């Protein structure tokens, strides 16, 4: 009886320690600051420190470091953050005597599989991010070249108009308008140059390349658009079989992963994981009050049920991602075909105008307009092709294939 009295007293102390203080003092903060009242004023940028001379066309470097899409994917997979550490985790190592330590050997194998699939998921994601930036850089470089070509066309037209004006002829060209368009092209080129510098820096970090290399990257890819449609049902089957995040959850679903199950559930949502008391007396008294506490078996069963629920949700998400990417690929291909036809029509129009010019007709302004329209159409075609390739990257990521190519 005395022992049970002592235990009851300790239990009361534990419960008392779990409750918060009876009175929490209210902390009074500083008084709010009252800002001054003002009226509306013009919002004008201060550019007085910038140079005022005329803007000259930007020039890109002559030499680059060549980077192919395949090499980009390979380097991104190799340098995926934390993936190597997960593969080399100490819990993955089997015991010295696996035959006699079967439980420890089984836990080591589960750790190797779970952490291995987690590492593959990081690699799959890293490859997708790097390839997306690869194609964004390729698009930016192509757009820069098209802007330079448009700049040359406008400068030729501006020079002709200024020459005509200097000799006393009133040219039909709008000289102030041409100058404004040239300034707009210069601003677009400057933005593209900054974008390319940022993409170079990000790709170098993702691929483990020298950060201070003065030569920028040159993304090289044939940009071939495949004509065939994706077999969506087959793609879903492949994705459900290979996706590492799904295989990780399948390993946990059998209920033998122990604490790894709780760790993974925390990555899905912190509220899905079970919580444990940090009070040391609770652990001390656990053997005595086992009937009053949650059984470990019931806790594990609940964790396994949450894993199965997470797996079902992820499978539905994977199927939706694959279907969406496959449908987008079809739409991008149709857009590419329309853009390509627009470019062909403009090329025929340019050929017609060049023939009329050779016959002695003055069609220089119409010819310049047609050439600029063709450059714009070519830029839109390139953008549509890049959209197709980045969507294909998303499809391969959703199918878990970027680490298997």
Protein backbone atom coordinates (compact mmCIF):
# COMPACT_ATOMS: atom_id res chain seq x y z
CA UNK A 1 0.00 0.00 0.00
CA UNK A 2 2.84 2.35 0.81
CA UNK A 3 4.43 1.67 -2.56
CA UNK A 4 1.18 2.47 -4.36
CA UNK A 5 0.89 5.65 -2.29
CA UNK A 6 4.35 6.73 -3.37
CA UNK A 7 3.53 5.94 -6.96
CA UNK A 8 0.31 7.96 -6.73
CA UNK A 9 2.24 10.88 -5.31
CA UNK A 10 4.79 10.75 -8.16
CA UNK A 11 1.98 10.46 -10.69
CA UNK A 12 0.33 13.52 -9.19
CA UNK A 13 3.59 15.40 -9.48
CA UNK A 14 3.89 14.37 -13.13
CA UNK A 15 0.37 15.51 -13.89
CA UNK A 16 0.95 18.74 -12.02
CA UNK A 17 4.10 19.33 -14.02
CA UNK A 18 2.15 18.85 -17.26
CA UNK A 19 -0.25 21.69 -16.44
CA UNK A 20 0.63 25.27 -17.25
CA UNK A 21 0.95 28.03 -14.64
CA UNK A 22 -2.21 29.17 -12.97
CA UNK A 23 -1.60 32.79 -13.95
CA UNK A 24 0.26 34.05 -17.00
CA UNK A 25 1.29 37.69 -16.68
CA UNK A 26 0.26 39.88 -19.60
CA UNK A 27 3.23 41.55 -21.25
CA UNK A 28 2.51 45.10 -22.31
CA UNK A 29 4.32 46.10 -25.50
CA UNK A 30 5.38 49.55 -26.55
CA UNK A 31 2.79 52.01 -27.73
CA UNK A 32 2.17 51.89 -31.51
CA UNK A 33 4.02 54.43 -33.59
CA UNK A 34 1.79 57.05 -35.21
CA UNK A 35 3.02 57.82 -38.73
CA UNK A 36 2.68 61.31 -40.24
CA UNK A 37 -0.18 62.19 -42.60
CA UNK A 38 0.80 63.20 -46.17
CA UNK A 39 -0.88 63.76 -49.50
CA UNK A 40 -0.26 62.11 -52.86
CA UNK A 41 3.02 62.92 -54.61
CA UNK A 42 4.34 61.92 -58.05
CA UNK A 43 6.09 58.54 -58.16
CA UNK A 44 9.16 59.35 -60.26
CA UNK A 45 12.39 57.30 -60.30
CA UNK A 46 15.67 59.13 -59.71
CA UNK A 47 17.94 58.30 -62.67
CA UNK A 48 20.18 61.33 -62.41
CA UNK A 49 23.23 59.12 -61.69
CA UNK A 50 22.85 57.11 -64.93
CA UNK A 51 24.76 58.00 -68.12
CA UNK A 52 22.81 59.90 -70.76
CA UNK A 53 24.77 58.93 -73.87
CA UNK A 54 23.12 56.82 -76.57
CA UNK A 55 22.78 53.10 -75.89
CA UNK A 56 24.92 50.83 -78.08
CA UNK A 57 23.91 47.23 -78.86
CA UNK A 58 25.05 44.66 -76.30
CA UNK A 59 27.50 41.99 -77.40
CA UNK A 60 27.66 38.46 -76.07
CA UNK A 61 31.01 36.64 -75.55
CA UNK A 62 32.62 34.74 -78.42
CA UNK A 63 33.51 31.59 -76.42
CA UNK A 64 31.42 29.44 -74.10
CA UNK A 65 31.48 26.21 -72.11
CA UNK A 66 29.32 23.72 -74.01
CA UNK A 67 26.63 21.99 -71.98
CA UNK A 68 24.32 19.36 -73.46
CA UNK A 69 20.98 18.37 -71.96
CA UNK A 70 22.28 14.85 -71.22
CA UNK A 71 25.35 16.21 -69.42
CA UNK A 72 23.17 18.66 -67.50
CA UNK A 73 20.95 15.83 -66.28
CA UNK A 74 23.91 13.62 -65.36
CA UNK A 75 25.71 16.31 -63.37
CA UNK A 76 22.53 17.37 -61.60
CA UNK A 77 21.86 13.79 -60.51
CA UNK A 78 25.44 13.37 -59.30
CA UNK A 79 25.44 16.63 -57.31
CA UNK A 80 21.92 16.42 -55.88
CA UNK A 81 22.07 17.87 -52.33
CA UNK A 82 21.99 15.33 -49.46
CA UNK A 83 21.44 12.35 -51.79
CA UNK A 84 24.93 10.91 -51.25
CA UNK A 85 24.62 11.40 -47.48
CA UNK A 86 21.38 9.42 -47.46
CA UNK A 87 22.99 6.57 -49.39
CA UNK A 88 25.96 6.50 -46.99
CA UNK A 89 23.94 6.80 -43.78
CA UNK A 90 25.35 4.73 -40.93
CA UNK A 91 21.97 3.05 -40.28
CA UNK A 92 22.20 1.45 -43.74
CA UNK A 93 25.21 -0.67 -42.76
CA UNK A 94 24.36 -4.30 -41.90
CA UNK A 95 25.54 -5.79 -38.58
CA UNK A 96 28.75 -7.78 -38.32
CA UNK A 97 26.84 -11.04 -37.94
CA UNK A 98 23.62 -10.67 -39.99
CA UNK A 99 22.84 -14.37 -39.63
CA UNK A 100 22.70 -14.08 -35.83
CA UNK A 101 21.36 -10.53 -35.76
CA UNK A 102 18.42 -10.95 -38.09
CA UNK A 103 16.39 -8.08 -36.63
CA UNK A 104 19.28 -5.63 -36.96
CA UNK A 105 19.98 -6.88 -40.49
CA UNK A 106 16.34 -6.39 -41.44
CA UNK A 107 16.29 -2.85 -40.03
CA UNK A 108 19.50 -1.99 -41.89
CA UNK A 109 17.99 -3.24 -45.15
CA UNK A 110 14.83 -1.19 -44.55
CA UNK A 111 16.95 1.87 -43.81
CA UNK A 112 18.94 1.32 -47.02
CA UNK A 113 15.79 1.07 -49.11
CA UNK A 114 13.93 3.98 -47.50
CA UNK A 115 16.90 6.33 -47.55
CA UNK A 116 17.84 5.13 -51.03
CA UNK A 117 14.42 5.99 -52.43
CA UNK A 118 14.55 9.33 -50.62
CA UNK A 119 17.92 10.00 -52.25
CA UNK A 120 16.53 9.07 -55.67
CA UNK A 121 13.63 11.47 -55.16
CA UNK A 122 16.11 14.26 -54.46
CA UNK A 123 18.05 13.33 -57.59
CA UNK A 124 14.93 13.18 -59.72
CA UNK A 125 13.89 16.64 -58.52
CA UNK A 126 17.40 18.08 -58.95
CA UNK A 127 17.59 16.83 -62.54
CA UNK A 128 14.19 18.37 -63.36
CA UNK A 129 15.15 21.74 -61.87
CA UNK A 130 18.49 21.82 -63.70
CA UNK A 131 16.99 20.83 -67.06
CA UNK A 132 14.28 23.46 -66.69
CA UNK A 133 16.95 26.11 -66.20
CA UNK A 134 18.95 24.63 -69.09
CA UNK A 135 16.04 25.19 -71.48
CA UNK A 136 15.33 28.62 -70.02
CA UNK A 137 18.94 29.59 -70.76
CA UNK A 138 18.65 28.20 -74.27
CA UNK A 139 15.50 30.27 -74.82
CA UNK A 140 17.15 33.42 -73.48
CA UNK A 141 20.19 33.01 -75.74
CA UNK A 142 17.95 32.49 -78.76
CA UNK A 143 15.80 35.49 -77.91
CA UNK A 144 18.94 37.63 -77.50
CA UNK A 145 20.06 36.73 -81.02
CA UNK A 146 16.64 37.60 -82.42
CA UNK A 147 16.67 40.95 -80.65
CA UNK A 148 20.09 41.68 -82.11
CA UNK A 149 18.81 40.84 -85.59
CA UNK A 150 15.83 43.16 -85.04
CA UNK A 151 18.22 45.84 -83.82
CA UNK A 152 20.22 45.61 -87.06
CA UNK A 153 17.08 45.89 -89.16
CA UNK A 154 15.87 48.95 -87.27
CA UNK A 155 19.28 50.65 -87.40
CA UNK A 156 19.42 50.12 -91.17
CA UNK A 157 15.97 51.66 -91.55
CA UNK A 158 16.88 54.52 -89.20
CA UNK A 159 20.10 55.28 -91.11
CA UNK A 160 18.19 55.41 -94.41
CA UNK A 161 15.56 57.71 -92.92
CA UNK A 162 18.17 60.05 -91.43
CA UNK A 163 20.05 60.15 -94.73
CA UNK A 164 16.88 61.03 -96.59
CA UNK A 165 16.05 63.71 -94.07
CA UNK A 166 19.59 65.19 -94.31
CA UNK A 167 19.37 65.47 -98.09
CA UNK A 168 16.08 67.33 -97.91
CA UNK A 169 13.70 64.44 -98.66
CA UNK A 170 10.90 63.78 -96.24
CA UNK A 171 11.03 60.05 -95.63
CA UNK A 172 7.90 58.19 -94.62
CA UNK A 173 9.68 56.52 -91.75
CA UNK A 174 8.99 57.77 -88.23
CA UNK A 175 12.50 58.62 -87.01
CA UNK A 176 11.51 59.29 -83.35
CA UNK A 177 9.46 56.09 -83.39
CA UNK A 178 12.43 54.09 -84.71
CA UNK A 179 14.65 55.47 -81.99
CA UNK A 180 12.10 54.54 -79.32
CA UNK A 181 11.92 51.00 -80.68
CA UNK A 182 15.71 50.74 -80.57
CA UNK A 183 15.73 51.85 -76.95
CA UNK A 184 13.05 49.28 -76.16
CA UNK A 185 15.16 46.55 -77.81
CA UNK A 186 18.19 47.67 -75.78
CA UNK A 187 16.17 47.40 -72.56
CA UNK A 188 14.97 43.90 -73.50
CA UNK A 189 18.53 42.79 -74.28
CA UNK A 190 19.76 44.12 -70.94
CA UNK A 191 17.04 42.18 -69.13
CA UNK A 192 17.92 39.04 -71.05
CA UNK A 193 21.61 39.48 -70.25
CA UNK A 194 20.81 39.69 -66.54
CA UNK A 195 18.55 36.64 -66.82
CA UNK A 196 21.29 34.64 -68.55
CA UNK A 197 23.82 35.63 -65.89
CA UNK A 198 21.46 34.46 -63.14
CA UNK A 199 20.75 31.17 -64.94
CA UNK A 200 24.48 30.59 -65.44
CA UNK A 201 25.13 31.12 -61.74
CA UNK A 202 22.29 28.81 -60.70
CA UNK A 203 23.27 26.05 -63.13
CA UNK A 204 26.90 26.17 -62.04
CA UNK A 205 25.81 25.61 -58.45
CA UNK A 206 23.42 22.79 -59.36
CA UNK A 207 25.96 21.00 -61.56
CA UNK A 208 29.03 21.41 -59.38
CA UNK A 209 30.85 23.62 -61.90
CA UNK A 210 33.44 26.30 -61.16
CA UNK A 211 31.53 29.33 -59.88
CA UNK A 212 34.00 31.99 -61.06
CA UNK A 213 34.59 30.64 -64.57
CA UNK A 214 34.64 33.68 -66.89
CA UNK A 215 33.19 31.68 -69.79
CA UNK A 216 29.40 31.40 -69.74
CA UNK A 217 27.56 28.16 -70.47
CA UNK A 218 26.28 27.41 -73.96
CA UNK A 219 23.29 25.03 -73.82
CA UNK A 220 23.35 22.76 -76.86
CA UNK A 221 20.34 20.65 -77.79
CA UNK A 222 18.71 19.74 -81.14
CA UNK A 223 15.32 20.85 -79.74
CA UNK A 224 13.61 18.06 -81.64
CA UNK A 225 9.85 17.87 -81.08
CA UNK A 226 8.52 14.31 -81.16
CA UNK A 227 5.49 13.88 -83.41
CA UNK A 228 3.85 10.97 -81.59
CA UNK A 229 1.40 11.26 -78.70
CA UNK A 230 2.11 9.83 -75.27
CA UNK A 231 0.30 6.62 -74.32
CA UNK A 232 -1.12 8.02 -71.10
CA UNK A 233 -2.19 4.71 -69.56
CA UNK A 234 1.23 3.16 -70.20
CA UNK A 235 2.96 6.28 -68.84
CA UNK A 236 0.89 6.06 -65.65
CA UNK A 237 1.82 2.41 -65.14
CA UNK A 238 5.50 3.21 -65.62
CA UNK A 239 5.30 6.19 -63.28
CA UNK A 240 3.53 4.26 -60.52
CA UNK A 241 6.19 1.56 -60.80
CA UNK A 242 9.32 3.72 -60.88
CA UNK A 243 8.57 6.87 -58.87
CA UNK A 244 10.91 6.80 -55.86
CA UNK A 245 8.58 8.70 -53.53
CA UNK A 246 5.90 6.04 -54.06
CA UNK A 247 8.32 3.16 -53.55
CA UNK A 248 9.53 4.78 -50.33
CA UNK A 249 5.99 4.84 -48.93
CA UNK A 250 5.41 1.25 -50.06
CA UNK A 251 8.41 0.13 -47.99
CA UNK A 252 6.93 1.84 -44.93
CA UNK A 253 3.41 0.51 -45.49
CA UNK A 254 4.28 -3.02 -44.35
CA UNK A 255 4.75 -1.75 -40.78
CA UNK A 256 8.32 -2.90 -40.12
CA UNK A 257 10.19 0.39 -40.51
CA UNK A 258 9.81 1.53 -36.89
CA UNK A 259 10.94 5.10 -36.22
CA UNK A 260 11.59 5.69 -39.92
CA UNK A 261 7.84 5.70 -40.45
CA UNK A 262 7.41 8.61 -38.08
CA UNK A 263 10.34 10.47 -39.65
CA UNK A 264 8.86 10.18 -43.14
CA UNK A 265 5.39 11.19 -41.96
CA UNK A 266 6.92 14.38 -40.59
CA UNK A 267 8.14 15.24 -44.09
CA UNK A 268 4.62 14.69 -45.47
CA UNK A 269 3.05 16.82 -42.74
CA UNK A 270 4.38 17.44 -39.21
CA UNK A 271 0.89 16.87 -37.81
CA UNK A 272 0.76 13.34 -39.22
CA UNK A 273 3.68 12.22 -37.06
CA UNK A 274 3.09 11.03 -33.50
CA UNK A 275 4.22 13.22 -30.63
CA UNK A 276 5.95 12.03 -27.47
CA UNK A 277 6.26 13.68 -24.08
CA UNK A 278 9.61 15.20 -23.20
CA UNK A 279 9.02 14.75 -19.45
CA UNK A 280 11.60 12.19 -18.20
CA UNK A 281 9.24 10.98 -15.45
CA UNK A 282 6.76 9.86 -18.09
CA UNK A 283 9.27 7.43 -19.55
CA UNK A 284 10.21 6.29 -16.02
CA UNK A 285 6.64 5.47 -15.14
CA UNK A 286 5.69 3.98 -18.51
CA UNK A 287 6.20 0.33 -17.43
CA UNK A 288 3.95 0.84 -14.40
CA UNK A 289 1.13 2.57 -16.26
CA UNK A 290 1.26 0.53 -19.46
CA UNK A 291 -2.48 -0.29 -19.32
CA UNK A 292 -3.24 3.43 -19.06
CA UNK A 293 -1.01 4.47 -21.98
CA UNK A 294 -1.38 3.91 -25.71
CA UNK A 295 -0.04 0.53 -26.68
CA UNK A 296 3.01 0.68 -28.98
CA UNK A 297 1.31 -1.77 -31.30
CA UNK A 298 -1.71 0.49 -31.69
CA UNK A 299 0.54 3.50 -32.32
CA UNK A 300 2.37 1.60 -35.04
CA UNK A 301 -0.91 0.47 -36.62
CA UNK A 302 -2.13 4.06 -36.72
CA UNK A 303 1.17 5.18 -38.28
CA UNK A 304 0.90 2.45 -40.92
CA UNK A 305 -2.64 3.57 -41.73
CA UNK A 306 -1.43 7.13 -42.20
CA UNK A 307 1.35 5.89 -44.49
CA UNK A 308 -1.16 3.98 -46.62
CA UNK A 309 -3.34 7.08 -46.82
CA UNK A 310 -0.33 9.18 -47.86
CA UNK A 311 0.61 6.57 -50.46
CA UNK A 312 -2.88 6.58 -51.97
CA UNK A 313 -2.85 10.38 -52.13
CA UNK A 314 0.60 10.43 -53.75
CA UNK A 315 -0.46 7.83 -56.32
CA UNK A 316 -3.45 9.96 -57.29
CA UNK A 317 -1.19 13.00 -57.49
CA UNK A 318 1.33 11.13 -59.66
CA UNK A 319 -1.40 10.02 -62.06
CA UNK A 320 -2.72 13.58 -62.31
CA UNK A 321 0.76 14.98 -62.98
CA UNK A 322 1.41 12.46 -65.75
CA UNK A 323 -1.97 13.07 -67.40
CA UNK A 324 -1.55 16.84 -67.24
CA UNK A 325 1.95 16.74 -68.75
CA UNK A 326 0.85 14.42 -71.55
CA UNK A 327 -2.08 16.66 -72.47
CA UNK A 328 0.12 19.77 -72.34
CA UNK A 329 2.64 18.13 -74.68
CA UNK A 330 -0.12 17.60 -77.24
CA UNK A 331 -1.22 21.23 -76.93
CA UNK A 332 2.33 22.57 -77.23
CA UNK A 333 2.91 20.48 -80.37
CA UNK A 334 -0.21 21.94 -82.01
CA UNK A 335 0.97 25.43 -81.07
CA UNK A 336 4.39 24.72 -82.58
CA UNK A 337 2.81 23.64 -85.85
CA UNK A 338 0.78 26.87 -86.04
CA UNK A 339 3.83 29.01 -85.23
CA UNK A 340 5.92 27.22 -87.83
CA UNK A 341 3.29 27.85 -90.50
CA UNK A 342 3.26 31.54 -89.57
CA UNK A 343 7.05 31.69 -90.04
CA UNK A 344 6.76 30.00 -93.45
CA UNK A 345 4.12 32.48 -94.61
CA UNK A 346 6.29 35.42 -93.57
CA UNK A 347 9.28 33.91 -95.37
CA UNK A 348 7.20 33.70 -98.55
CA UNK A 349 6.16 37.33 -98.05
CA UNK A 350 9.80 38.39 -97.64
CA UNK A 351 10.84 36.51 -100.77
CA UNK A 352 8.07 38.27 -102.70
CA UNK A 353 9.14 41.71 -101.42
CA UNK A 354 12.80 41.04 -102.18
CA UNK A 355 11.86 40.11 -105.76
CA UNK A 356 9.90 43.35 -106.12
CA UNK A 357 12.83 45.31 -104.71
CA UNK A 358 15.21 43.76 -107.24
CA UNK A 359 12.84 44.83 -110.01
CA UNK A 360 13.31 48.46 -108.96
CA UNK A 361 10.31 49.06 -106.70
CA UNK A 362 10.80 50.93 -103.41
CA UNK A 363 9.52 48.45 -100.81
CA UNK A 364 12.26 48.90 -98.19
CA UNK A 365 9.88 49.87 -95.39
CA UNK A 366 7.53 46.96 -96.11
CA UNK A 367 10.51 44.61 -96.34
CA UNK A 368 11.87 45.77 -92.98
CA UNK A 369 8.44 45.34 -91.38
CA UNK A 370 8.11 41.82 -92.81
CA UNK A 371 11.58 40.86 -91.56
CA UNK A 372 10.79 42.16 -88.09
CA UNK A 373 7.51 40.24 -88.13
CA UNK A 374 9.42 37.10 -89.09
CA UNK A 375 11.87 37.59 -86.19
CA UNK A 376 8.94 38.00 -83.81
CA UNK A 377 7.28 34.85 -85.18
CA UNK A 378 10.54 32.93 -84.91
CA UNK A 379 10.83 34.02 -81.28
CA UNK A 380 7.32 32.80 -80.56
CA UNK A 381 8.11 29.52 -82.30
CA UNK A 382 11.24 29.07 -80.19
CA UNK A 383 9.28 29.83 -77.04
CA UNK A 384 6.66 27.21 -77.97
CA UNK A 385 9.38 24.62 -78.59
CA UNK A 386 11.00 25.37 -75.23
CA UNK A 387 7.57 25.01 -73.57
CA UNK A 388 7.29 21.56 -75.15
CA UNK A 389 10.71 20.50 -73.86
CA UNK A 390 10.18 21.80 -70.32
CA UNK A 391 6.83 20.00 -70.21
CA UNK A 392 8.54 16.80 -71.35
CA UNK A 393 11.00 17.24 -68.48
CA UNK A 394 8.02 17.50 -66.09
CA UNK A 395 6.56 14.33 -67.59
CA UNK A 396 9.82 12.43 -67.13
CA UNK A 397 10.05 13.72 -63.57
CA UNK A 398 6.47 12.67 -62.83
CA UNK A 399 7.29 9.19 -64.16
CA UNK A 400 10.50 8.97 -62.09
CA UNK A 401 12.63 8.48 -65.22
CA UNK A 402 15.18 11.29 -64.88
CA UNK A 403 17.36 9.13 -62.63
CA UNK A 404 17.12 6.13 -64.96
CA UNK A 405 18.12 7.60 -68.31
